[in-house]
Amino acid sequence: MTGFFNAIGDFFTWTFQFMPSLGNIPNIALTLAGAAATIYWLGQMVKHNREDAAAK
């Protein structure tokens, strides 16, 4: 089991070597993905509220 966690640690250590060269791109990408998901979710909530109001 220790080997499994060591492998995960080695993978992240290898991955984080590239992060400085990417700059803010990962931050911007995650922010945009989160904003898009939030807008979609809020749109679905509005849609369901309208359907519930029409059914009453």
PDB file of N, CA and C in Angstrom:
ATOM      1  N   MET A   1       0.827  -1.192   0.000  1.00  0.00           N
ATOM      2  CA  MET A   1       0.000   0.000   0.000  1.00  0.00           C
ATOM      3  C   MET A   1       0.871   1.255   0.000  1.00  0.00           C
ATOM      4  N   THR A   2       2.017   1.182   0.667  1.00  0.00           N
ATOM      5  CA  THR A   2       2.921   2.327   0.699  1.00  0.00           C
ATOM      6  C   THR A   2       3.420   2.665  -0.703  1.00  0.00           C
ATOM      7  N   GLY A   3       3.650   1.639  -1.509  1.00  0.00           N
ATOM      8  CA  GLY A   3       4.100   1.859  -2.876  1.00  0.00           C
ATOM      9  C   GLY A   3       3.080   2.630  -3.693  1.00  0.00           C
ATOM     10  N   PHE A   4       1.811   2.360  -3.440  1.00  0.00           N
ATOM     11  CA  PHE A   4       0.749   3.063  -4.142  1.00  0.00           C
ATOM     12  C   PHE A   4       0.789   4.562  -3.834  1.00  0.00           C
ATOM     13  N   PHE A   5       0.892   4.898  -2.559  1.00  0.00           N
ATOM     14  CA  PHE A   5       0.936   6.308  -2.169  1.00  0.00           C
ATOM     15  C   PHE A   5       2.226   6.979  -2.620  1.00  0.00           C
ATOM     16  N   ASN A   6       3.317   6.242  -2.617  1.00  0.00           N
ATOM     17  CA  ASN A   6       4.574   6.798  -3.129  1.00  0.00           C
ATOM     18  C   ASN A   6       4.458   7.080  -4.629  1.00  0.00           C
ATOM     19  N   ALA A   7       3.767   6.212  -5.358  1.00  0.00           N
ATOM     20  CA  ALA A   7       3.579   6.426  -6.793  1.00  0.00           C
ATOM     21  C   ALA A   7       2.731   7.673  -7.042  1.00  0.00           C
ATOM     22  N   ILE A   8       1.690   7.860  -6.237  1.00  0.00           N
ATOM     23  CA  ILE A   8       0.873   9.066  -6.374  1.00  0.00           C
ATOM     24  C   ILE A   8       1.714  10.307  -6.080  1.00  0.00           C
ATOM     25  N   GLY A   9       2.520  10.246  -5.036  1.00  0.00           N
ATOM     26  CA  GLY A   9       3.387  11.369  -4.699  1.00  0.00           C
ATOM     27  C   GLY A   9       4.391  11.667  -5.800  1.00  0.00           C
ATOM     28  N   ASP A  10       4.968  10.627  -6.373  1.00  0.00           N
ATOM     29  CA  ASP A  10       5.912  10.821  -7.478  1.00  0.00           C
ATOM     30  C   ASP A  10       5.226  11.443  -8.688  1.00  0.00           C
ATOM     31  N   PHE A  11       4.002  11.013  -8.969  1.00  0.00           N
ATOM     32  CA  PHE A  11       3.258  11.570 -10.091  1.00  0.00           C
ATOM     33  C   PHE A  11       3.007  13.056  -9.893  1.00  0.00           C
ATOM     34  N   PHE A  12       2.545  13.448  -8.694  1.00  0.00           N
ATOM     35  CA  PHE A  12       2.277  14.861  -8.445  1.00  0.00           C
ATOM     36  C   PHE A  12       3.563  15.684  -8.434  1.00  0.00           C
ATOM     37  N   THR A  13       4.643  15.119  -7.913  1.00  0.00           N
ATOM     38  CA  THR A  13       5.923  15.819  -7.945  1.00  0.00           C
ATOM     39  C   THR A  13       6.345  16.071  -9.378  1.00  0.00           C
ATOM     40  N   TRP A  14       6.182  15.083 -10.247  1.00  0.00           N
ATOM     41  CA  TRP A  14       6.521  15.232 -11.664  1.00  0.00           C
ATOM     42  C   TRP A  14       5.611  16.258 -12.328  1.00  0.00           C
ATOM     43  N   THR A  15       4.302  16.200 -12.009  1.00  0.00           N
ATOM     44  CA  THR A  15       3.334  17.113 -12.613  1.00  0.00           C
ATOM     45  C   THR A  15       3.603  18.557 -12.212  1.00  0.00           C
ATOM     46  N   PHE A  16       3.920  18.789 -10.939  1.00  0.00           N
ATOM     47  CA  PHE A  16       4.096  20.155 -10.454  1.00  0.00           C
ATOM     48  C   PHE A  16       5.376  20.802 -10.972  1.00  0.00           C
ATOM     49  N   GLN A  17       6.253  20.050 -11.603  1.00  0.00           N
ATOM     50  CA  GLN A  17       7.435  20.642 -12.216  1.00  0.00           C
ATOM     51  C   GLN A  17       7.045  21.524 -13.396  1.00  0.00           C
ATOM     52  N   PHE A  18       5.932  21.238 -14.045  1.00  0.00           N
ATOM     53  CA  PHE A  18       5.495  21.990 -15.211  1.00  0.00           C
ATOM     54  C   PHE A  18       4.644  23.204 -14.851  1.00  0.00           C
ATOM     55  N   MET A  19       4.141  23.251 -13.638  1.00  0.00           N
ATOM     56  CA  MET A  19       3.215  24.317 -13.255  1.00  0.00           C
ATOM     57  C   MET A  19       3.795  25.728 -13.388  1.00  0.00           C
ATOM     58  N   PRO A  20       5.012  25.995 -12.971  1.00  0.00           N
ATOM     59  CA  PRO A  20       5.516  27.367 -13.114  1.00  0.00           C
ATOM     60  C   PRO A  20       5.542  27.858 -14.561  1.00  0.00           C
ATOM     61  N   SER A  21       5.782  26.961 -15.506  1.00  0.00           N
ATOM     62  CA  SER A  21       5.827  27.385 -16.906  1.00  0.00           C
ATOM     63  C   SER A  21       4.436  27.702 -17.453  1.00  0.00           C
ATOM     64  N   LEU A  22       3.389  27.176 -16.817  1.00  0.00           N
ATOM     65  CA  LEU A  22       2.025  27.442 -17.276  1.00  0.00           C
ATOM     66  C   LEU A  22       1.496  28.784 -16.794  1.00  0.00           C
ATOM     67  N   GLY A  23       2.078  29.320 -15.731  1.00  0.00           N
ATOM     68  CA  GLY A  23       1.642  30.611 -15.206  1.00  0.00           C
ATOM     69  C   GLY A  23       0.240  30.540 -14.641  1.00  0.00           C
ATOM     70  N   ASN A  24      -0.611  31.469 -15.043  1.00  0.00           N
ATOM     71  CA  ASN A  24      -1.991  31.561 -14.529  1.00  0.00           C
ATOM     72  C   ASN A  24      -2.996  30.800 -15.369  1.00  0.00           C
ATOM     73  N   ILE A  25      -2.564  30.114 -16.399  1.00  0.00           N
ATOM     74  CA  ILE A  25      -3.494  29.418 -17.287  1.00  0.00           C
ATOM     75  C   ILE A  25      -4.361  28.401 -16.527  1.00  0.00           C
ATOM     76  N   PRO A  26      -3.799  27.558 -15.656  1.00  0.00           N
ATOM     77  CA  PRO A  26      -4.670  26.616 -14.917  1.00  0.00           C
ATOM     78  C   PRO A  26      -5.682  27.340 -14.026  1.00  0.00           C
ATOM     79  N   ASN A  27      -5.280  28.442 -13.400  1.00  0.00           N
ATOM     80  CA  ASN A  27      -6.200  29.191 -12.549  1.00  0.00           C
ATOM     81  C   ASN A  27      -7.348  29.770 -13.367  1.00  0.00           C
ATOM     82  N   ILE A  28      -7.025  30.343 -14.505  1.00  0.00           N
ATOM     83  CA  ILE A  28      -8.047  30.932 -15.357  1.00  0.00           C
ATOM     84  C   ILE A  28      -8.980  29.852 -15.898  1.00  0.00           C
ATOM     85  N   ALA A  29      -8.417  28.713 -16.312  1.00  0.00           N
ATOM     86  CA  ALA A  29      -9.229  27.625 -16.858  1.00  0.00           C
ATOM     87  C   ALA A  29     -10.202  27.087 -15.800  1.00  0.00           C
ATOM     88  N   LEU A  30      -9.725  26.877 -14.583  1.00  0.00           N
ATOM     89  CA  LEU A  30     -10.608  26.375 -13.528  1.00  0.00           C
ATOM     90  C   LEU A  30     -11.666  27.402 -13.148  1.00  0.00           C
ATOM     91  N   THR A  31     -11.301  28.669 -13.141  1.00  0.00           N
ATOM     92  CA  THR A  31     -12.268  29.717 -12.829  1.00  0.00           C
ATOM     93  C   THR A  31     -13.359  29.779 -13.891  1.00  0.00           C
ATOM     94  N   LEU A  32     -12.970  29.719 -15.159  1.00  0.00           N
ATOM     95  CA  LEU A  32     -13.961  29.755 -16.239  1.00  0.00           C
ATOM     96  C   LEU A  32     -14.855  28.517 -16.227  1.00  0.00           C
ATOM     97  N   ALA A  33     -14.269  27.345 -15.953  1.00  0.00           N
ATOM     98  CA  ALA A  33     -15.071  26.122 -15.887  1.00  0.00           C
ATOM     99  C   ALA A  33     -16.068  26.190 -14.727  1.00  0.00           C
ATOM    100  N   GLY A  34     -15.630  26.699 -13.584  1.00  0.00           N
ATOM    101  CA  GLY A  34     -16.524  26.841 -12.436  1.00  0.00           C
ATOM    102  C   GLY A  34     -17.625  27.844 -12.695  1.00  0.00           C
ATOM    103  N   ALA A  35     -17.284  28.960 -13.356  1.00  0.00           N
ATOM    104  CA  ALA A  35     -18.294  29.968 -13.679  1.00  0.00           C
ATOM    105  C   ALA A  35     -19.317  29.406 -14.661  1.00  0.00           C
ATOM    106  N   ALA A  36     -18.850  28.669 -15.671  1.00  0.00           N
ATOM    107  CA  ALA A  36     -19.765  28.074 -16.645  1.00  0.00           C
ATOM    108  C   ALA A  36     -20.684  27.060 -15.970  1.00  0.00           C
ATOM    109  N   ALA A  37     -20.142  26.244 -15.081  1.00  0.00           N
ATOM    110  CA  ALA A  37     -20.962  25.258 -14.382  1.00  0.00           C
ATOM    111  C   ALA A  37     -21.992  25.944 -13.482  1.00  0.00           C
ATOM    112  N   THR A  38     -21.595  27.032 -12.834  1.00  0.00           N
ATOM    113  CA  THR A  38     -22.524  27.761 -11.972  1.00  0.00           C
ATOM    114  C   THR A  38     -23.645  28.394 -12.777  1.00  0.00           C
ATOM    115  N   ILE A  39     -23.307  28.998 -13.915  1.00  0.00           N
ATOM    116  CA  ILE A  39     -24.326  29.610 -14.767  1.00  0.00           C
ATOM    117  C   ILE A  39     -25.294  28.543 -15.281  1.00  0.00           C
ATOM    118  N   TYR A  40     -24.771  27.385 -15.693  1.00  0.00           N
ATOM    119  CA  TYR A  40     -25.636  26.292 -16.151  1.00  0.00           C
ATOM    120  C   TYR A  40     -26.564  25.835 -15.029  1.00  0.00           C
ATOM    121  N   TRP A  41     -25.997  25.655 -13.835  1.00  0.00           N
ATOM    122  CA  TRP A  41     -26.771  25.180 -12.688  1.00  0.00           C
ATOM    123  C   TRP A  41     -27.876  26.173 -12.335  1.00  0.00           C
ATOM    124  N   LEU A  42     -27.556  27.456 -12.311  1.00  0.00           N
ATOM    125  CA  LEU A  42     -28.562  28.459 -11.999  1.00  0.00           C
ATOM    126  C   LEU A  42     -29.650  28.496 -13.073  1.00  0.00           C
ATOM    127  N   GLY A  43     -29.268  28.311 -14.327  1.00  0.00           N
ATOM    128  CA  GLY A  43     -30.260  28.245 -15.400  1.00  0.00           C
ATOM    129  C   GLY A  43     -31.199  27.073 -15.227  1.00  0.00           C
ATOM    130  N   GLN A  44     -30.657  25.943 -14.813  1.00  0.00           N
ATOM    131  CA  GLN A  44     -31.505  24.769 -14.573  1.00  0.00           C
ATOM    132  C   GLN A  44     -32.449  25.007 -13.396  1.00  0.00           C
ATOM    133  N   MET A  45     -31.977  25.693 -12.362  1.00  0.00           N
ATOM    134  CA  MET A  45     -32.839  25.994 -11.212  1.00  0.00           C
ATOM    135  C   MET A  45     -33.997  26.899 -11.627  1.00  0.00           C
ATOM    136  N   VAL A  46     -33.707  27.903 -12.451  1.00  0.00           N
ATOM    137  CA  VAL A  46     -34.759  28.804 -12.923  1.00  0.00           C
ATOM    138  C   VAL A  46     -35.764  28.029 -13.767  1.00  0.00           C
ATOM    139  N   LYS A  47     -35.273  27.150 -14.627  1.00  0.00           N
ATOM    140  CA  LYS A  47     -36.145  26.338 -15.481  1.00  0.00           C
ATOM    141  C   LYS A  47     -37.088  25.480 -14.638  1.00  0.00           C
ATOM    142  N   HIS A  48     -36.553  24.832 -13.616  1.00  0.00           N
ATOM    143  CA  HIS A  48     -37.385  23.974 -12.768  1.00  0.00           C
ATOM    144  C   HIS A  48     -38.388  24.789 -11.959  1.00  0.00           C
ATOM    145  N   ASN A  49     -37.983  25.969 -11.506  1.00  0.00           N
ATOM    146  CA  ASN A  49     -38.917  26.822 -10.765  1.00  0.00           C
ATOM    147  C   ASN A  49     -40.077  27.268 -11.657  1.00  0.00           C
ATOM    148  N   ARG A  50     -39.776  27.580 -12.907  1.00  0.00           N
ATOM    149  CA  ARG A  50     -40.837  27.980 -13.841  1.00  0.00           C
ATOM    150  C   ARG A  50     -41.787  26.815 -14.108  1.00  0.00           C
ATOM    151  N   GLU A  51     -41.243  25.606 -14.255  1.00  0.00           N
ATOM    152  CA  GLU A  51     -42.092  24.431 -14.482  1.00  0.00           C
ATOM    153  C   GLU A  51     -42.976  24.160 -13.287  1.00  0.00           C
ATOM    154  N   ASP A  52     -42.413  24.327 -12.072  1.00  0.00           N
ATOM    155  CA  ASP A  52     -43.208  24.103 -10.859  1.00  0.00           C
ATOM    156  C   ASP A  52     -44.315  25.152 -10.746  1.00  0.00           C
ATOM    157  N   ALA A  53     -44.009  26.397 -11.092  1.00  0.00           N
ATOM    158  CA  ALA A  53     -45.010  27.450 -11.001  1.00  0.00           C
ATOM    159  C   ALA A  53     -46.111  27.240 -12.023  1.00  0.00           C
ATOM    160  N   ALA A  54     -45.783  26.741 -13.194  1.00  0.00           N
ATOM    161  CA  ALA A  54     -46.773  26.496 -14.246  1.00  0.00           C
ATOM    162  C   ALA A  54     -47.660  25.294 -13.885  1.00  0.00           C
ATOM    163  N   ALA A  55     -47.134  24.356 -13.125  1.00  0.00           N
ATOM    164  CA  ALA A  55     -47.893  23.156 -12.773  1.00  0.00           C
ATOM    165  C   ALA A  55     -48.911  23.436 -11.667  1.00  0.00           C
ATOM    166  N   LYS A  56     -48.730  24.491 -10.932  1.00  0.00           N
ATOM    167  CA  LYS A  56     -49.629  24.773  -9.801  1.00  0.00           C
ATOM    168  C   LYS A  56     -50.866  25.491 -10.211  1.00  0.00           C
TER     169      LYS A  56
END
